C-alpha atoms as a PDB file:
ATOM      1  CA  MET A   1      23.322  85.409  12.858  1.00  0.00           C
ATOM      2  CA  ALA A   2      21.678  84.627   9.545  1.00  0.00           C
ATOM      3  CA  LEU A   3      23.622  81.800   7.832  1.00  0.00           C
ATOM      4  CA  ASN A   4      23.274  82.216   3.886  1.00  0.00           C
ATOM      5  CA  SER A   5      25.686  79.877   2.825  1.00  0.00           C
ATOM      6  CA  VAL A   6      27.686  75.979   3.266  1.00  0.00           C
ATOM      7  CA  ALA A   7      30.679  78.242   3.988  1.00  0.00           C
ATOM      8  CA  GLU A   8      29.525  80.308   6.689  1.00  0.00           C
ATOM      9  CA  THR A   9      27.714  77.574   8.420  1.00  0.00           C
ATOM     10  CA  GLU A  10      30.694  75.177   8.337  1.00  0.00           C
ATOM     11  CA  ALA A  11      32.973  78.208   9.506  1.00  0.00           C
ATOM     12  CA  LEU A  12      30.596  78.734  12.256  1.00  0.00           C
ATOM     13  CA  LEU A  13      30.373  74.802  13.386  1.00  0.00           C
ATOM     14  CA  ALA A  14      34.281  74.544  12.886  1.00  0.00           C
ATOM     15  CA  GLY A  15      34.870  77.494  15.742  1.00  0.00           C
ATOM     16  CA  ARG A  16      32.319  75.551  18.007  1.00  0.00           C
ATOM     17  CA  MET A  17      34.143  72.106  18.326  1.00  0.00           C
ATOM     18  CA  VAL A  18      34.886  70.370  21.445  1.00  0.00           C
ATOM     19  CA  PRO A  19      36.572  67.141  22.838  1.00  0.00           C
ATOM     20  CA  ILE A  20      34.072  64.489  23.136  1.00  0.00           C
ATOM     21  CA  GLU A  21      35.037  64.694  26.768  1.00  0.00           C
ATOM     22  CA  ASP A  22      33.759  68.258  26.948  1.00  0.00           C
ATOM     23  CA  TYR A  23      30.489  67.380  24.962  1.00  0.00           C
ATOM     24  CA  ARG A  24      29.958  64.538  27.448  1.00  0.00           C
ATOM     25  CA  GLY A  25      30.051  67.178  30.201  1.00  0.00           C
ATOM     26  CA  HIS A  26      26.374  68.663  28.961  1.00  0.00           C
ATOM     27  CA  LEU A  27      24.661  65.666  29.654  1.00  0.00           C
ATOM     28  CA  ASP A  28      22.026  66.559  32.478  1.00  0.00           C
ATOM     29  CA  GLY A  29      23.420  69.696  32.493  1.00  0.00           C
ATOM     30  CA  GLU A  30      22.291  73.530  32.360  1.00  0.00           C
ATOM     31  CA  PRO A  31      20.696  74.466  29.384  1.00  0.00           C
ATOM     32  CA  LEU A  32      22.494  75.968  26.183  1.00  0.00           C
ATOM     33  CA  PHE A  33      20.879  79.211  24.534  1.00  0.00           C
ATOM     34  CA  SER A  34      21.258  80.459  21.126  1.00  0.00           C
ATOM     35  CA  PRO A  35      21.228  84.372  20.240  1.00  0.00           C
ATOM     36  CA  TRP A  36      17.836  85.721  19.638  1.00  0.00           C
ATOM     37  CA  LEU A  37      16.596  85.535  16.003  1.00  0.00           C
ATOM     38  CA  THR A  38      13.860  87.893  14.281  1.00  0.00           C
ATOM     39  CA  VAL A  39      11.101  86.084  12.777  1.00  0.00           C
ATOM     40  CA  ASP A  40       9.749  88.740  10.111  1.00  0.00           C
ATOM     41  CA  GLN A  41       7.107  89.018   7.604  1.00  0.00           C
ATOM     42  CA  THR A  42       9.757  88.184   4.759  1.00  0.00           C
ATOM     43  CA  MET A  43      10.804  85.206   6.404  1.00  0.00           C
ATOM     44  CA  ILE A  44       7.323  83.569   7.157  1.00  0.00           C
ATOM     45  CA  ASP A  45       6.539  84.696   3.652  1.00  0.00           C
ATOM     46  CA  ARG A  46       9.495  82.664   2.096  1.00  0.00           C
ATOM     47  CA  PHE A  47       8.452  79.659   4.053  1.00  0.00           C
ATOM     48  CA  ALA A  48       4.940  79.876   2.726  1.00  0.00           C
ATOM     49  CA  VAL A  49       6.519  79.836  -0.762  1.00  0.00           C
ATOM     50  CA  ALA A  50       8.599  77.105   0.080  1.00  0.00           C
ATOM     51  CA  THR A  51       6.061  74.795   1.520  1.00  0.00           C
ATOM     52  CA  HIS A  52       2.970  76.027  -0.449  1.00  0.00           C
ATOM     53  CA  ASP A  53       1.104  76.992   2.785  1.00  0.00           C
ATOM     54  CA  HIS A  54      -0.336  80.329   2.270  1.00  0.00           C
ATOM     55  CA  GLN A  55      -3.007  80.400   4.605  1.00  0.00           C
ATOM     56  CA  PHE A  56      -3.687  83.999   5.520  1.00  0.00           C
ATOM     57  CA  ILE A  57      -2.980  83.922   9.096  1.00  0.00           C
ATOM     58  CA  HIS A  58       0.849  83.600   8.014  1.00  0.00           C
ATOM     59  CA  VAL A  59       0.902  85.820   4.897  1.00  0.00           C
ATOM     60  CA  ASP A  60      -2.317  88.610   4.646  1.00  0.00           C
ATOM     61  CA  PRO A  61      -1.304  90.960   7.326  1.00  0.00           C
ATOM     62  CA  GLU A  62      -4.606  93.123   7.029  1.00  0.00           C
ATOM     63  CA  ARG A  63      -7.047  90.042   7.274  1.00  0.00           C
ATOM     64  CA  ALA A  64      -4.923  88.314  10.191  1.00  0.00           C
ATOM     65  CA  ARG A  65      -5.350  91.927  11.842  1.00  0.00           C
ATOM     66  CA  SER A  66      -8.937  91.792  11.394  1.00  0.00           C
ATOM     67  CA  GLU A  67     -10.024  88.175  11.268  1.00  0.00           C
ATOM     68  CA  THR A  68      -7.697  86.686  14.062  1.00  0.00           C
ATOM     69  CA  PRO A  69      -6.880  87.012  17.956  1.00  0.00           C
ATOM     70  CA  PHE A  70      -3.103  87.449  17.074  1.00  0.00           C
ATOM     71  CA  GLY A  71      -3.400  91.163  16.003  1.00  0.00           C
ATOM     72  CA  GLY A  72      -1.532  90.127  12.919  1.00  0.00           C
ATOM     73  CA  THR A  73       0.500  87.314  10.840  1.00  0.00           C
ATOM     74  CA  ILE A  74       2.002  84.503  12.653  1.00  0.00           C
ATOM     75  CA  ALA A  75       4.750  82.289  11.967  1.00  0.00           C
ATOM     76  CA  HIS A  76       4.075  78.906  10.698  1.00  0.00           C
ATOM     77  CA  GLY A  77       4.463  76.409  13.508  1.00  0.00           C
ATOM     78  CA  PHE A  78       6.736  74.036  11.123  1.00  0.00           C
ATOM     79  CA  LEU A  79       8.562  77.251  10.529  1.00  0.00           C
ATOM     80  CA  THR A  80       9.048  77.785  14.273  1.00  0.00           C
ATOM     81  CA  LEU A  81      10.383  73.828  14.512  1.00  0.00           C
ATOM     82  CA  SER A  82      12.616  74.358  11.466  1.00  0.00           C
ATOM     83  CA  LEU A  83      14.468  77.278  12.907  1.00  0.00           C
ATOM     84  CA  LEU A  84      15.634  74.781  15.453  1.00  0.00           C
ATOM     85  CA  SER A  85      18.748  73.897  13.241  1.00  0.00           C
ATOM     86  CA  THR A  86      19.971  77.398  12.947  1.00  0.00           C
ATOM     87  CA  LEU A  87      19.499  78.134  16.564  1.00  0.00           C
ATOM     88  CA  ALA A  88      21.220  74.870  17.570  1.00  0.00           C
ATOM     89  CA  TYR A  89      24.354  76.023  15.390  1.00  0.00           C
ATOM     90  CA  GLU A  90      25.062  78.699  17.596  1.00  0.00           C
ATOM     91  CA  ALA A  91      24.007  77.205  21.061  1.00  0.00           C
ATOM     92  CA  ILE A  92      25.237  73.320  20.854  1.00  0.00           C
ATOM     93  CA  PRO A  93      29.131  72.776  20.301  1.00  0.00           C
ATOM     94  CA  GLY A  94      30.249  70.202  17.816  1.00  0.00           C
ATOM     95  CA  VAL A  95      32.429  67.437  18.574  1.00  0.00           C
ATOM     96  CA  VAL A  96      35.972  67.261  17.034  1.00  0.00           C
ATOM     97  CA  GLY A  97      35.833  64.536  14.478  1.00  0.00           C
ATOM     98  CA  THR A  98      32.466  65.419  13.259  1.00  0.00           C
ATOM     99  CA  ARG A  99      31.766  64.595   9.489  1.00  0.00           C
ATOM    100  CA  MET A 100      28.299  65.681   9.396  1.00  0.00           C
ATOM    101  CA  GLY A 101      25.453  66.035  11.742  1.00  0.00           C
ATOM    102  CA  MET A 102      21.592  65.023  10.892  1.00  0.00           C
ATOM    103  CA  ASN A 103      18.114  64.806  12.374  1.00  0.00           C
ATOM    104  CA  TYR A 104      17.337  61.593  13.823  1.00  0.00           C
ATOM    105  CA  GLY A 105      13.622  62.752  14.530  1.00  0.00           C
ATOM    106  CA  PHE A 106      11.140  63.913  17.432  1.00  0.00           C
ATOM    107  CA  ASP A 107       9.684  62.047  19.939  1.00  0.00           C
ATOM    108  CA  LYS A 108       7.090  65.314  21.263  1.00  0.00           C
ATOM    109  CA  VAL A 109       6.590  68.371  19.734  1.00  0.00           C
ATOM    110  CA  ARG A 110       3.927  70.802  21.008  1.00  0.00           C
ATOM    111  CA  PHE A 111       3.181  74.470  19.709  1.00  0.00           C
ATOM    112  CA  LEU A 112       2.298  76.332  22.797  1.00  0.00           C
ATOM    113  CA  ASN A 113       2.523  79.895  21.657  1.00  0.00           C
ATOM    114  CA  PRO A 114       2.300  81.436  18.206  1.00  0.00           C
ATOM    115  CA  VAL A 115       5.208  83.673  17.013  1.00  0.00           C
ATOM    116  CA  LYS A 116       3.717  87.073  15.942  1.00  0.00           C
ATOM    117  CA  ALA A 117       5.538  88.602  12.576  1.00  0.00           C
ATOM    118  CA  GLY A 118       8.457  90.444  14.082  1.00  0.00           C
ATOM    119  CA  ALA A 119       8.886  88.728  17.329  1.00  0.00           C
ATOM    120  CA  ARG A 120      12.430  87.443  18.552  1.00  0.00           C
ATOM    121  CA  VAL A 121      12.888  83.746  19.156  1.00  0.00           C
ATOM    122  CA  ARG A 122      15.765  82.018  20.718  1.00  0.00           C
ATOM    123  CA  GLY A 123      16.659  78.314  21.602  1.00  0.00           C
ATOM    124  CA  ARG A 124      17.078  76.668  24.668  1.00  0.00           C
ATOM    125  CA  PHE A 125      18.808  73.268  24.228  1.00  0.00           C
ATOM    126  CA  ARG A 126      19.259  70.957  27.240  1.00  0.00           C
ATOM    127  CA  MET A 127      21.237  67.609  26.519  1.00  0.00           C
ATOM    128  CA  ILE A 128      19.125  64.352  28.530  1.00  0.00           C
ATOM    129  CA  GLY A 129      20.499  61.488  26.508  1.00  0.00           C
ATOM    130  CA  LEU A 130      23.835  60.292  25.003  1.00  0.00           C
ATOM    131  CA  THR A 131      24.356  57.174  23.020  1.00  0.00           C
ATOM    132  CA  GLU A 132      27.970  56.936  21.463  1.00  0.00           C
ATOM    133  CA  ARG A 133      28.650  54.297  18.852  1.00  0.00           C
ATOM    134  CA  ALA A 134      31.874  53.639  16.798  1.00  0.00           C
ATOM    135  CA  VAL A 135      31.178  56.300  14.335  1.00  0.00           C
ATOM    136  CA  SER A 136      28.488  58.187  15.653  1.00  0.00           C
ATOM    137  CA  LEU A 137      26.604  60.232  18.601  1.00  0.00           C
ATOM    138  CA  GLN A 138      22.955  59.900  18.965  1.00  0.00           C
ATOM    139  CA  THR A 139      22.031  62.892  21.293  1.00  0.00           C
ATOM    140  CA  ALA A 140      18.783  63.464  22.803  1.00  0.00           C
ATOM    141  CA  TRP A 141      17.756  66.936  23.614  1.00  0.00           C
ATOM    142  CA  ASP A 142      14.976  68.612  25.768  1.00  0.00           C
ATOM    143  CA  VAL A 143      14.548  71.955  23.507  1.00  0.00           C
ATOM    144  CA  ALA A 144      12.197  74.757  23.616  1.00  0.00           C
ATOM    145  CA  VAL A 145      11.839  77.846  21.129  1.00  0.00           C
ATOM    146  CA  GLU A 146      11.493  80.860  23.408  1.00  0.00           C
ATOM    147  CA  ILE A 147       9.666  84.151  22.633  1.00  0.00           C
ATOM    148  CA  GLU A 148      11.380  87.354  23.792  1.00  0.00           C
ATOM    149  CA  GLY A 149       9.023  88.505  26.571  1.00  0.00           C
ATOM    150  CA  ALA A 150       6.744  86.036  26.576  1.00  0.00           C
ATOM    151  CA  LEU A 151       5.828  83.741  29.495  1.00  0.00           C
ATOM    152  CA  LYS A 152       5.015  80.328  27.409  1.00  0.00           C
ATOM    153  CA  PRO A 153       7.441  79.353  24.932  1.00  0.00           C
ATOM    154  CA  ALA A 154       6.345  78.814  21.095  1.00  0.00           C
ATOM    155  CA  LEU A 155       7.433  75.085  21.008  1.00  0.00           C
ATOM    156  CA  SER A 156       8.784  72.499  23.198  1.00  0.00           C
ATOM    157  CA  ALA A 157      10.127  69.324  21.794  1.00  0.00           C
ATOM    158  CA  HIS A 158      12.289  66.144  22.515  1.00  0.00           C
ATOM    159  CA  TRP A 159      14.569  66.320  19.342  1.00  0.00           C
ATOM    160  CA  ILE A 160      17.106  63.374  18.600  1.00  0.00           C
ATOM    161  CA  THR A 161      20.383  64.395  16.652  1.00  0.00           C
ATOM    162  CA  LEU A 162      22.590  62.229  14.884  1.00  0.00           C
ATOM    163  CA  THR A 163      26.377  63.065  14.638  1.00  0.00           C
ATOM    164  CA  VAL A 164      28.504  61.050  12.002  1.00  0.00           C
ATOM    165  CA  THR A 165      32.254  61.111  13.156  1.00  0.00           C
ATOM    166  CA  THR A 166      35.272  60.245  11.825  1.00  0.00           C
ATOM    167  CA  PRO A 167      36.220  56.293  12.816  1.00  0.00           C
ATOM    168  CA  PRO A 168      38.799  55.993  15.640  1.00  0.00           C
ATOM    169  CA  GLU A 169      42.215  54.915  14.456  1.00  0.00           C
ATOM    170  CA  GLY A 170      43.476  51.482  15.268  1.00  0.00           C
END
C-alpha cells in the first residue's frame, strides 16, 4: 500500500496498535512480514531527484542495460534502506499510547543484492531487543528487505527504533 499523506499513515498506524504486553510477545519471536511493494522506475527517478544521485545505473535504462551486469536500472541502496519505514508500517504493530516513532539508528547495514527496476520487495522484521523506559521504548530489529523470487535479500540490517509514549498516570 502506498501511503501518500499524514492522514493515511496515521490511519494505518491507528489500526495496528496493541497493548504493551502483546508487543513484548514479539521479542525473539517469529518474523513479521510486510506486503510486497513494487520498486518501479518512477520511484527510483524520484529518489534520484530528492538525493541528487543521478548515477546512470539508476536513471538511464538504455545505458544500464548495455553497460552493467544488471540488465537494466537498479534502485539506489539508500532507497531500499529508506523503504524500511513504509514496510514497517504494515508489518510491525504499534503500542497503545504511542505519541510518535523515530529512527534511533543502525548498527549494521549490508547491501547484498541489487533491486532491479520493476522488482517487488517486502520487509522481514524480527524483534531482538526491547528496552522500556518511563516514556519510551527502544526496540532492536533484525531486518531484511527481501526481493520476490530471489534467494538473497536486497539488504540486511540491525535497526533500532524509538517509540515515545504517553507518560503513565499516577
